[in-house]
Structures are given as C-alpha cells and as structure tokens.
C-alpha atoms as a PDB file:
ATOM      1  CA  MET A   1      -2.566  10.064 -11.282  1.00  0.00           C
ATOM      2  CA  ALA A   2      -6.031   8.776 -11.273  1.00  0.00           C
ATOM      3  CA  ARG A   3      -7.296   8.102  -7.541  1.00  0.00           C
ATOM      4  CA  GLN A   4     -10.714   6.954  -6.515  1.00  0.00           C
ATOM      5  CA  LEU A   5     -11.115   7.948  -3.043  1.00  0.00           C
ATOM      6  CA  GLY A   6     -15.480   7.973  -4.142  1.00  0.00           C
ATOM      7  CA  PRO A   7     -17.550  11.416  -2.995  1.00  0.00           C
ATOM      8  CA  GLY A   8     -14.547  13.352  -2.091  1.00  0.00           C
ATOM      9  CA  GLY A   9     -11.993  12.472   0.921  1.00  0.00           C
ATOM     10  CA  TYR A  10      -8.529  12.361   2.139  1.00  0.00           C
ATOM     11  CA  GLU A  11      -6.155   9.577   1.293  1.00  0.00           C
ATOM     12  CA  ILE A  12      -2.234   9.644   2.522  1.00  0.00           C
ATOM     13  CA  LEU A  13      -0.281   8.290  -0.338  1.00  0.00           C
ATOM     14  CA  HIS A  14       3.450   9.345   2.146  1.00  0.00           C
ATOM     15  CA  GLU A  15       4.062   9.768   5.847  1.00  0.00           C
ATOM     16  CA  SER A  16       7.567  10.680   7.590  1.00  0.00           C
ATOM     17  CA  PRO A  17       8.967  12.119  10.209  1.00  0.00           C
ATOM     18  CA  GLY A  18       8.776  15.791   8.785  1.00  0.00           C
ATOM     19  CA  LEU A  19       6.804  15.720   5.501  1.00  0.00           C
ATOM     20  CA  GLU A  20       2.594  13.801   5.170  1.00  0.00           C
ATOM     21  CA  LEU A  21       2.043  13.940   1.547  1.00  0.00           C
ATOM     22  CA  GLY A  22      -2.192  13.001   0.320  1.00  0.00           C
ATOM     23  CA  VAL A  23      -4.694  14.300  -1.937  1.00  0.00           C
ATOM     24  CA  TYR A  24      -8.231  15.456  -0.566  1.00  0.00           C
ATOM     25  CA  GLU A  25     -11.386  15.240  -2.474  1.00  0.00           C
ATOM     26  CA  LEU A  26     -14.908  17.777  -2.284  1.00  0.00           C
ATOM     27  CA  VAL A  27     -17.327  17.110  -3.898  1.00  0.00           C
ATOM     28  CA  ALA A  28     -20.259  20.042  -4.055  1.00  0.00           C
ATOM     29  CA  PRO A  29     -22.867  20.027  -2.308  1.00  0.00           C
ATOM     30  CA  GLU A  30     -20.724  17.855   0.313  1.00  0.00           C
ATOM     31  CA  PRO A  31     -19.013  21.552   2.267  1.00  0.00           C
ATOM     32  CA  ASP A  32     -15.600  21.069   3.242  1.00  0.00           C
ATOM     33  CA  ARG A  33     -15.420  21.022   6.940  1.00  0.00           C
ATOM     34  CA  GLN A  34     -10.897  20.966   7.895  1.00  0.00           C
ATOM     35  CA  GLU A  35     -10.247  22.724  11.380  1.00  0.00           C
ATOM     36  CA  PRO A  36      -6.770  24.275  10.971  1.00  0.00           C
ATOM     37  CA  HIS A  37      -3.912  22.149  11.158  1.00  0.00           C
ATOM     38  CA  GLU A  38      -0.793  22.190  13.441  1.00  0.00           C
ATOM     39  CA  ASP A  39       1.236  22.105  10.473  1.00  0.00           C
ATOM     40  CA  ASP A  40       2.179  24.499   7.712  1.00  0.00           C
ATOM     41  CA  GLU A  41       0.265  22.707   4.962  1.00  0.00           C
ATOM     42  CA  ILE A  42       1.191  23.779   0.632  1.00  0.00           C
ATOM     43  CA  TYR A  43      -2.769  22.796  -1.335  1.00  0.00           C
ATOM     44  CA  VAL A  44      -1.255  22.148  -5.354  1.00  0.00           C
ATOM     45  CA  VAL A  45      -4.597  21.759  -7.357  1.00  0.00           C
ATOM     46  CA  LEU A  46      -4.460  19.089  -9.725  1.00  0.00           C
ATOM     47  CA  GLU A  47      -8.349  19.366 -10.994  1.00  0.00           C
ATOM     48  CA  GLY A  48     -11.541  21.485 -10.823  1.00  0.00           C
ATOM     49  CA  SER A  49     -11.289  25.247  -9.437  1.00  0.00           C
ATOM     50  CA  GLY A  50     -12.334  26.804  -6.400  1.00  0.00           C
ATOM     51  CA  VAL A  51     -11.847  29.544  -3.739  1.00  0.00           C
ATOM     52  CA  LEU A  52      -9.149  28.955  -0.634  1.00  0.00           C
ATOM     53  CA  GLU A  53     -10.058  30.958   2.583  1.00  0.00           C
ATOM     54  CA  VAL A  54      -7.139  32.055   4.934  1.00  0.00           C
ATOM     55  CA  GLU A  55      -8.569  34.147   7.766  1.00  0.00           C
ATOM     56  CA  GLY A  56     -10.918  35.647   5.577  1.00  0.00           C
ATOM     57  CA  GLU A  57      -9.182  36.635   2.364  1.00  0.00           C
ATOM     58  CA  ARG A  58     -10.501  34.478  -0.687  1.00  0.00           C
ATOM     59  CA  ILE A  59      -7.434  33.031  -2.767  1.00  0.00           C
ATOM     60  CA  GLU A  60      -8.850  31.744  -6.765  1.00  0.00           C
ATOM     61  CA  ALA A  61      -7.763  28.068  -6.956  1.00  0.00           C
ATOM     62  CA  ARG A  62      -7.395  26.836 -10.238  1.00  0.00           C
ATOM     63  CA  LEU A  63      -5.374  23.900 -12.292  1.00  0.00           C
ATOM     64  CA  GLY A  64      -1.377  23.797 -11.417  1.00  0.00           C
ATOM     65  CA  ASP A  65      -1.608  26.170  -8.726  1.00  0.00           C
ATOM     66  CA  ALA A  66       0.201  26.320  -5.400  1.00  0.00           C
ATOM     67  CA  LEU A  67      -1.230  27.432  -1.817  1.00  0.00           C
ATOM     68  CA  PHE A  68       0.481  27.675   0.383  1.00  0.00           C
ATOM     69  CA  VAL A  69      -1.312  27.620   4.488  1.00  0.00           C
ATOM     70  CA  PRO A  70       0.253  28.761   7.436  1.00  0.00           C
ATOM     71  CA  ALA A  71       0.546  26.826  10.310  1.00  0.00           C
ATOM     72  CA  ARG A  72      -3.332  27.351  12.770  1.00  0.00           C
ATOM     73  CA  ALA A  73      -4.811  29.076  10.429  1.00  0.00           C
ATOM     74  CA  ARG A  74      -8.363  28.896   9.830  1.00  0.00           C
ATOM     75  CA  HIS A  75      -8.996  27.921   6.290  1.00  0.00           C
ATOM     76  CA  ARG A  76     -11.285  26.227   4.192  1.00  0.00           C
ATOM     77  CA  PHE A  77     -12.484  26.077   0.364  1.00  0.00           C
ATOM     78  CA  THR A  78     -15.752  27.270  -1.629  1.00  0.00           C
ATOM     79  CA  ASP A  79     -17.006  27.792  -4.311  1.00  0.00           C
ATOM     80  CA  TYR A  80     -16.528  24.598  -6.197  1.00  0.00           C
ATOM     81  CA  GLU A  81     -18.344  21.792  -7.497  1.00  0.00           C
ATOM     82  CA  ARG A  82     -15.451  18.936  -7.429  1.00  0.00           C
ATOM     83  CA  LEU A  83     -11.867  19.841  -6.525  1.00  0.00           C
ATOM     84  CA  SER A  84      -8.491  17.475  -6.284  1.00  0.00           C
ATOM     85  CA  LEU A  85      -5.715  18.439  -4.370  1.00  0.00           C
ATOM     86  CA  LEU A  86      -2.237  17.341  -3.702  1.00  0.00           C
ATOM     87  CA  VAL A  87      -1.709  18.053   0.300  1.00  0.00           C
ATOM     88  CA  VAL A  88       2.462  18.499   1.690  1.00  0.00           C
ATOM     89  CA  PHE A  89       2.120  18.757   5.119  1.00  0.00           C
ATOM     90  CA  ALA A  90       5.605  20.525   6.420  1.00  0.00           C
ATOM     91  CA  ARG A  91       6.625  19.323  10.070  1.00  0.00           C
ATOM     92  CA  PRO A  92       9.598  19.314  11.798  1.00  0.00           C
ATOM     93  CA  ARG A  93      11.426  16.912  12.625  1.00  0.00           C
ATOM     94  CA  PRO A  94      11.396  15.968  16.491  1.00  0.00           C
END
C-alpha cells in the first residue's frame, strides 16, 4: 500500500464508532509533535525504524513491529530518518 502524504503527516483510512485506522509518516528532521490521546493506540511499523518513547521508556520500532500505547500516555517517536506507521485507535463505543 503506497501512500503519498508528502513530507510526513497523518491520513485517516477508516473511521467508525469504535475504531480509527490511519497512516502516520514522520520524516527527519521534522520532530514528532503529537500529544497524548484519549484512546488506546497500536502502531504497526510499515517502513523505516526508530524509537518510541512512552512515559520515559525507550522501545525500538522496526519493520513489522506492533507497539501499544495506553490512553493518555505521553509518547513520541525519535531517532528516525523516515518512519511510516499504521495507526489503530481503539475507541469505547458510546
């Protein structure tokens, strides 16, 4: 699945009441500026590598890895040149 987001960004692929799927691309030297989210989240590395920092813990992020971030946890990606991620937000149903 080749997506053209330009020099980084986020594109929503699917939204429904309990789920959001998107592709998030990071390209150095642009930093990851995301803030904590209200939903649990899973990242799947589609391309590249880097480090995911979650509440001070550093987790290697390599091709094919699936990484979990709990709701409201401070997190960001570092140490990447180009990183493409499938993002899954699990939302409580109303």
